[in-house]
Amino acid sequence: MTLTPELFEEIRNDLENDFPKIESITQEDGKIIINADNDTIWELFETLYHGVENIELNAGENEEAFLTITV
């Protein structure tokens, strides 16, 4: 799958509507990077885990919380 600018915008809008506590969603080198508080990151991870082939979670006490999805 190629992450076109249009597809990225559609994904970003859907996620922001479904998870209003998301702080930012960016695109970098074929990856979507989502920043949010720990609770929102865990909720996103649990929601997306089975539908996404390559997802990386970073969340923990005193750490920046984010998900990285490789497309």
PDB file of N, CA and C in Angstrom:
ATOM      1  N   MET A   1       0.842  -1.170   0.000  1.00  0.00           N
ATOM      2  CA  MET A   1       0.000   0.000   0.000  1.00  0.00           C
ATOM      3  C   MET A   1       0.891   1.237   0.000  1.00  0.00           C
ATOM      4  N   THR A   2       0.536   2.185  -0.821  1.00  0.00           N
ATOM      5  CA  THR A   2       1.264   3.448  -0.871  1.00  0.00           C
ATOM      6  C   THR A   2       0.479   4.491  -0.087  1.00  0.00           C
ATOM      7  N   LEU A   3       1.177   5.185   0.767  1.00  0.00           N
ATOM      8  CA  LEU A   3       0.543   6.213   1.585  1.00  0.00           C
ATOM      9  C   LEU A   3       0.563   7.541   0.825  1.00  0.00           C
ATOM     10  N   THR A   4      -0.473   7.770   0.049  1.00  0.00           N
ATOM     11  CA  THR A   4      -0.582   9.018  -0.695  1.00  0.00           C
ATOM     12  C   THR A   4      -0.982  10.138   0.255  1.00  0.00           C
ATOM     13  N   PRO A   5      -0.767  11.382  -0.124  1.00  0.00           N
ATOM     14  CA  PRO A   5      -1.212  12.494   0.732  1.00  0.00           C
ATOM     15  C   PRO A   5      -2.715  12.439   1.014  1.00  0.00           C
ATOM     16  N   GLU A   6      -3.504  12.020   0.034  1.00  0.00           N
ATOM     17  CA  GLU A   6      -4.947  11.936   0.219  1.00  0.00           C
ATOM     18  C   GLU A   6      -5.311  10.856   1.237  1.00  0.00           C
ATOM     19  N   LEU A   7      -4.655   9.692   1.136  1.00  0.00           N
ATOM     20  CA  LEU A   7      -4.909   8.604   2.072  1.00  0.00           C
ATOM     21  C   LEU A   7      -4.478   9.004   3.476  1.00  0.00           C
ATOM     22  N   PHE A   8      -3.323   9.648   3.593  1.00  0.00           N
ATOM     23  CA  PHE A   8      -2.861  10.100   4.904  1.00  0.00           C
ATOM     24  C   PHE A   8      -3.883  11.046   5.532  1.00  0.00           C
ATOM     25  N   GLU A   9      -4.397  11.997   4.770  1.00  0.00           N
ATOM     26  CA  GLU A   9      -5.386  12.946   5.292  1.00  0.00           C
ATOM     27  C   GLU A   9      -6.652  12.232   5.737  1.00  0.00           C
ATOM     28  N   GLU A  10      -7.084  11.238   4.972  1.00  0.00           N
ATOM     29  CA  GLU A  10      -8.277  10.481   5.335  1.00  0.00           C
ATOM     30  C   GLU A  10      -8.062   9.716   6.638  1.00  0.00           C
ATOM     31  N   ILE A  11      -6.913   9.061   6.755  1.00  0.00           N
ATOM     32  CA  ILE A  11      -6.578   8.331   7.986  1.00  0.00           C
ATOM     33  C   ILE A  11      -6.490   9.289   9.162  1.00  0.00           C
ATOM     34  N   ARG A  12      -5.804  10.408   8.958  1.00  0.00           N
ATOM     35  CA  ARG A  12      -5.640  11.400  10.026  1.00  0.00           C
ATOM     36  C   ARG A  12      -6.997  11.918  10.505  1.00  0.00           C
ATOM     37  N   ASN A  13      -7.859  12.275   9.577  1.00  0.00           N
ATOM     38  CA  ASN A  13      -9.182  12.792   9.943  1.00  0.00           C
ATOM     39  C   ASN A  13     -10.008  11.752  10.681  1.00  0.00           C
ATOM     40  N   ASP A  14      -9.984  10.506  10.214  1.00  0.00           N
ATOM     41  CA  ASP A  14     -10.732   9.437  10.883  1.00  0.00           C
ATOM     42  C   ASP A  14     -10.232   9.232  12.313  1.00  0.00           C
ATOM     43  N   LEU A  15      -8.908   9.169  12.477  1.00  0.00           N
ATOM     44  CA  LEU A  15      -8.349   8.952  13.817  1.00  0.00           C
ATOM     45  C   LEU A  15      -8.646  10.123  14.749  1.00  0.00           C
ATOM     46  N   GLU A  16      -8.504  11.334  14.252  1.00  0.00           N
ATOM     47  CA  GLU A  16      -8.777  12.506  15.096  1.00  0.00           C
ATOM     48  C   GLU A  16     -10.242  12.569  15.504  1.00  0.00           C
ATOM     49  N   ASN A  17     -11.137  12.133  14.624  1.00  0.00           N
ATOM     50  CA  ASN A  17     -12.563  12.106  14.977  1.00  0.00           C
ATOM     51  C   ASN A  17     -12.869  11.022  16.000  1.00  0.00           C
ATOM     52  N   ASP A  18     -12.233   9.861  15.852  1.00  0.00           N
ATOM     53  CA  ASP A  18     -12.482   8.738  16.759  1.00  0.00           C
ATOM     54  C   ASP A  18     -11.749   8.857  18.088  1.00  0.00           C
ATOM     55  N   PHE A  19     -10.630   9.566  18.092  1.00  0.00           N
ATOM     56  CA  PHE A  19      -9.795   9.696  19.288  1.00  0.00           C
ATOM     57  C   PHE A  19      -9.433  11.174  19.486  1.00  0.00           C
ATOM     58  N   PRO A  20     -10.344  11.962  20.035  1.00  0.00           N
ATOM     59  CA  PRO A  20     -10.127  13.411  20.132  1.00  0.00           C
ATOM     60  C   PRO A  20      -8.949  13.835  21.013  1.00  0.00           C
ATOM     61  N   LYS A  21      -8.401  12.936  21.807  1.00  0.00           N
ATOM     62  CA  LYS A  21      -7.262  13.297  22.663  1.00  0.00           C
ATOM     63  C   LYS A  21      -5.917  13.156  21.953  1.00  0.00           C
ATOM     64  N   ILE A  22      -5.927  12.781  20.673  1.00  0.00           N
ATOM     65  CA  ILE A  22      -4.681  12.707  19.909  1.00  0.00           C
ATOM     66  C   ILE A  22      -4.080  14.104  19.836  1.00  0.00           C
ATOM     67  N   GLU A  23      -2.796  14.205  20.139  1.00  0.00           N
ATOM     68  CA  GLU A  23      -2.097  15.497  20.109  1.00  0.00           C
ATOM     69  C   GLU A  23      -1.604  15.841  18.713  1.00  0.00           C
ATOM     70  N   SER A  24      -1.073  14.835  17.985  1.00  0.00           N
ATOM     71  CA  SER A  24      -0.609  15.089  16.624  1.00  0.00           C
ATOM     72  C   SER A  24      -0.523  13.779  15.856  1.00  0.00           C
ATOM     73  N   ILE A  25      -0.651  13.894  14.545  1.00  0.00           N
ATOM     74  CA  ILE A  25      -0.456  12.770  13.634  1.00  0.00           C
ATOM     75  C   ILE A  25       0.402  13.300  12.497  1.00  0.00           C
ATOM     76  N   THR A  26       1.561  12.670  12.308  1.00  0.00           N
ATOM     77  CA  THR A  26       2.469  13.114  11.257  1.00  0.00           C
ATOM     78  C   THR A  26       2.839  11.937  10.360  1.00  0.00           C
ATOM     79  N   GLN A  27       3.383  12.272   9.213  1.00  0.00           N
ATOM     80  CA  GLN A  27       3.833  11.278   8.249  1.00  0.00           C
ATOM     81  C   GLN A  27       5.320  11.487   8.030  1.00  0.00           C
ATOM     82  N   GLU A  28       6.078  10.369   8.077  1.00  0.00           N
ATOM     83  CA  GLU A  28       7.524  10.466   7.893  1.00  0.00           C
ATOM     84  C   GLU A  28       8.052   9.160   7.320  1.00  0.00           C
ATOM     85  N   ASP A  29       8.661   9.213   6.151  1.00  0.00           N
ATOM     86  CA  ASP A  29       9.294   8.041   5.526  1.00  0.00           C
ATOM     87  C   ASP A  29       8.389   6.812   5.482  1.00  0.00           C
ATOM     88  N   GLY A  30       7.156   6.981   5.019  1.00  0.00           N
ATOM     89  CA  GLY A  30       6.234   5.853   4.901  1.00  0.00           C
ATOM     90  C   GLY A  30       5.654   5.389   6.219  1.00  0.00           C
ATOM     91  N   LYS A  31       5.782   6.200   7.246  1.00  0.00           N
ATOM     92  CA  LYS A  31       5.249   5.859   8.564  1.00  0.00           C
ATOM     93  C   LYS A  31       4.265   6.925   9.008  1.00  0.00           C
ATOM     94  N   ILE A  32       3.284   6.496   9.774  1.00  0.00           N
ATOM     95  CA  ILE A  32       2.359   7.414  10.432  1.00  0.00           C
ATOM     96  C   ILE A  32       2.726   7.408  11.903  1.00  0.00           C
ATOM     97  N   ILE A  33       2.978   8.582  12.456  1.00  0.00           N
ATOM     98  CA  ILE A  33       3.379   8.705  13.860  1.00  0.00           C
ATOM     99  C   ILE A  33       2.281   9.450  14.592  1.00  0.00           C
ATOM    100  N   ILE A  34       1.752   8.826  15.637  1.00  0.00           N
ATOM    101  CA  ILE A  34       0.632   9.375  16.392  1.00  0.00           C
ATOM    102  C   ILE A  34       1.110   9.667  17.808  1.00  0.00           C
ATOM    103  N   ASN A  35       0.968  10.909  18.240  1.00  0.00           N
ATOM    104  CA  ASN A  35       1.322  11.303  19.600  1.00  0.00           C
ATOM    105  C   ASN A  35       0.046  11.582  20.393  1.00  0.00           C
ATOM    106  N   ALA A  36       0.011  11.060  21.610  1.00  0.00           N
ATOM    107  CA  ALA A  36      -1.143  11.263  22.490  1.00  0.00           C
ATOM    108  C   ALA A  36      -0.733  10.855  23.904  1.00  0.00           C
ATOM    109  N   ASP A  37      -1.637  11.042  24.837  1.00  0.00           N
ATOM    110  CA  ASP A  37      -1.370  10.610  26.214  1.00  0.00           C
ATOM    111  C   ASP A  37      -1.368   9.077  26.256  1.00  0.00           C
ATOM    112  N   ASN A  38      -0.808   8.515  27.328  1.00  0.00           N
ATOM    113  CA  ASN A  38      -0.667   7.061  27.448  1.00  0.00           C
ATOM    114  C   ASN A  38      -1.982   6.320  27.271  1.00  0.00           C
ATOM    115  N   ASP A  39      -3.049   6.783  27.912  1.00  0.00           N
ATOM    116  CA  ASP A  39      -4.332   6.085  27.826  1.00  0.00           C
ATOM    117  C   ASP A  39      -4.840   6.034  26.389  1.00  0.00           C
ATOM    118  N   THR A  40      -4.717   7.146  25.678  1.00  0.00           N
ATOM    119  CA  THR A  40      -5.175   7.195  24.292  1.00  0.00           C
ATOM    120  C   THR A  40      -4.305   6.312  23.406  1.00  0.00           C
ATOM    121  N   ILE A  41      -2.992   6.317  23.629  1.00  0.00           N
ATOM    122  CA  ILE A  41      -2.087   5.470  22.851  1.00  0.00           C
ATOM    123  C   ILE A  41      -2.437   3.995  23.051  1.00  0.00           C
ATOM    124  N   TRP A  42      -2.690   3.598  24.283  1.00  0.00           N
ATOM    125  CA  TRP A  42      -3.056   2.196  24.538  1.00  0.00           C
ATOM    126  C   TRP A  42      -4.382   1.852  23.870  1.00  0.00           C
ATOM    127  N   GLU A  43      -5.343   2.751  23.939  1.00  0.00           N
ATOM    128  CA  GLU A  43      -6.638   2.527  23.302  1.00  0.00           C
ATOM    129  C   GLU A  43      -6.465   2.390  21.786  1.00  0.00           C
ATOM    130  N   LEU A  44      -5.664   3.263  21.192  1.00  0.00           N
ATOM    131  CA  LEU A  44      -5.363   3.181  19.761  1.00  0.00           C
ATOM    132  C   LEU A  44      -4.684   1.852  19.425  1.00  0.00           C
ATOM    133  N   PHE A  45      -3.700   1.477  20.208  1.00  0.00           N
ATOM    134  CA  PHE A  45      -2.965   0.234  19.976  1.00  0.00           C
ATOM    135  C   PHE A  45      -3.906  -0.955  19.996  1.00  0.00           C
ATOM    136  N   GLU A  46      -4.766  -1.026  21.012  1.00  0.00           N
ATOM    137  CA  GLU A  46      -5.711  -2.138  21.129  1.00  0.00           C
ATOM    138  C   GLU A  46      -6.691  -2.153  19.961  1.00  0.00           C
ATOM    139  N   THR A  47      -7.081  -0.983  19.478  1.00  0.00           N
ATOM    140  CA  THR A  47      -8.015  -0.889  18.359  1.00  0.00           C
ATOM    141  C   THR A  47      -7.350  -1.281  17.042  1.00  0.00           C
ATOM    142  N   LEU A  48      -6.124  -0.837  16.823  1.00  0.00           N
ATOM    143  CA  LEU A  48      -5.453  -1.016  15.540  1.00  0.00           C
ATOM    144  C   LEU A  48      -4.615  -2.287  15.431  1.00  0.00           C
ATOM    145  N   TYR A  49      -4.263  -2.896  16.551  1.00  0.00           N
ATOM    146  CA  TYR A  49      -3.287  -3.991  16.576  1.00  0.00           C
ATOM    147  C   TYR A  49      -3.594  -5.115  15.577  1.00  0.00           C
ATOM    148  N   HIS A  50      -4.824  -5.565  15.521  1.00  0.00           N
ATOM    149  CA  HIS A  50      -5.158  -6.703  14.658  1.00  0.00           C
ATOM    150  C   HIS A  50      -5.347  -6.315  13.199  1.00  0.00           C
ATOM    151  N   GLY A  51      -5.512  -5.027  12.910  1.00  0.00           N
ATOM    152  CA  GLY A  51      -5.742  -4.599  11.543  1.00  0.00           C
ATOM    153  C   GLY A  51      -4.525  -4.018  10.853  1.00  0.00           C
ATOM    154  N   VAL A  52      -3.421  -3.895  11.566  1.00  0.00           N
ATOM    155  CA  VAL A  52      -2.213  -3.280  11.019  1.00  0.00           C
ATOM    156  C   VAL A  52      -1.069  -4.273  11.146  1.00  0.00           C
ATOM    157  N   GLU A  53      -0.316  -4.452  10.064  1.00  0.00           N
ATOM    158  CA  GLU A  53       0.772  -5.427  10.069  1.00  0.00           C
ATOM    159  C   GLU A  53       1.983  -4.991  10.889  1.00  0.00           C
ATOM    160  N   ASN A  54       2.341  -3.706  10.832  1.00  0.00           N
ATOM    161  CA  ASN A  54       3.558  -3.254  11.485  1.00  0.00           C
ATOM    162  C   ASN A  54       3.248  -2.035  12.342  1.00  0.00           C
ATOM    163  N   ILE A  55       3.113  -2.259  13.635  1.00  0.00           N
ATOM    164  CA  ILE A  55       2.773  -1.180  14.561  1.00  0.00           C
ATOM    165  C   ILE A  55       3.729  -1.247  15.753  1.00  0.00           C
ATOM    166  N   GLU A  56       4.252  -0.105  16.138  1.00  0.00           N
ATOM    167  CA  GLU A  56       5.189  -0.015  17.267  1.00  0.00           C
ATOM    168  C   GLU A  56       4.597   0.915  18.312  1.00  0.00           C
ATOM    169  N   LEU A  57       4.618   0.485  19.536  1.00  0.00           N
ATOM    170  CA  LEU A  57       4.046   1.243  20.645  1.00  0.00           C
ATOM    171  C   LEU A  57       5.154   1.739  21.556  1.00  0.00           C
ATOM    172  N   ASN A  58       5.083   3.002  21.942  1.00  0.00           N
ATOM    173  CA  ASN A  58       5.975   3.541  22.956  1.00  0.00           C
ATOM    174  C   ASN A  58       5.093   4.276  23.957  1.00  0.00           C
ATOM    175  N   ALA A  59       4.957   3.709  25.130  1.00  0.00           N
ATOM    176  CA  ALA A  59       4.156   4.335  26.179  1.00  0.00           C
ATOM    177  C   ALA A  59       4.668   3.841  27.515  1.00  0.00           C
ATOM    178  N   GLY A  60       4.777   4.731  28.424  1.00  0.00           N
ATOM    179  CA  GLY A  60       5.231   4.353  29.744  1.00  0.00           C
ATOM    180  C   GLY A  60       5.368   5.582  30.617  1.00  0.00           C
ATOM    181  N   GLU A  61       5.558   5.327  31.862  1.00  0.00           N
ATOM    182  CA  GLU A  61       5.712   6.426  32.805  1.00  0.00           C
ATOM    183  C   GLU A  61       6.969   7.220  32.466  1.00  0.00           C
ATOM    184  N   ASN A  62       6.859   8.524  32.444  1.00  0.00           N
ATOM    185  CA  ASN A  62       7.969   9.431  32.153  1.00  0.00           C
ATOM    186  C   ASN A  62       8.546   9.277  30.744  1.00  0.00           C
ATOM    187  N   GLU A  63       7.737   8.774  29.810  1.00  0.00           N
ATOM    188  CA  GLU A  63       8.166   8.649  28.418  1.00  0.00           C
ATOM    189  C   GLU A  63       7.142   9.333  27.522  1.00  0.00           C
ATOM    190  N   GLU A  64       7.605   9.789  26.361  1.00  0.00           N
ATOM    191  CA  GLU A  64       6.686  10.308  25.373  1.00  0.00           C
ATOM    192  C   GLU A  64       5.889   9.124  24.822  1.00  0.00           C
ATOM    193  N   ALA A  65       4.579   9.278  24.743  1.00  0.00           N
ATOM    194  CA  ALA A  65       3.721   8.204  24.252  1.00  0.00           C
ATOM    195  C   ALA A  65       3.434   8.419  22.771  1.00  0.00           C
ATOM    196  N   PHE A  66       3.714   7.376  21.981  1.00  0.00           N
ATOM    197  CA  PHE A  66       3.402   7.463  20.563  1.00  0.00           C
ATOM    198  C   PHE A  66       3.272   6.076  19.957  1.00  0.00           C
ATOM    199  N   LEU A  67       2.584   6.025  18.816  1.00  0.00           N
ATOM    200  CA  LEU A  67       2.488   4.833  17.989  1.00  0.00           C
ATOM    201  C   LEU A  67       3.136   5.139  16.658  1.00  0.00           C
ATOM    202  N   THR A  68       3.816   4.159  16.094  1.00  0.00           N
ATOM    203  CA  THR A  68       4.345   4.286  14.754  1.00  0.00           C
ATOM    204  C   THR A  68       3.775   3.140  13.932  1.00  0.00           C
ATOM    205  N   ILE A  69       3.144   3.498  12.816  1.00  0.00           N
ATOM    206  CA  ILE A  69       2.573   2.508  11.908  1.00  0.00           C
ATOM    207  C   ILE A  69       3.348   2.606  10.597  1.00  0.00           C
ATOM    208  N   THR A  70       3.962   1.512  10.188  1.00  0.00           N
ATOM    209  CA  THR A  70       4.677   1.482   8.920  1.00  0.00           C
ATOM    210  C   THR A  70       3.713   1.004   7.842  1.00  0.00           C
ATOM    211  N   VAL A  71       3.609   1.796   6.793  1.00  0.00           N
ATOM    212  CA  VAL A  71       2.677   1.455   5.710  1.00  0.00           C
ATOM    213  C   VAL A  71       3.452   0.864   4.559  1.00  0.00           C
TER     214      VAL A  71
END
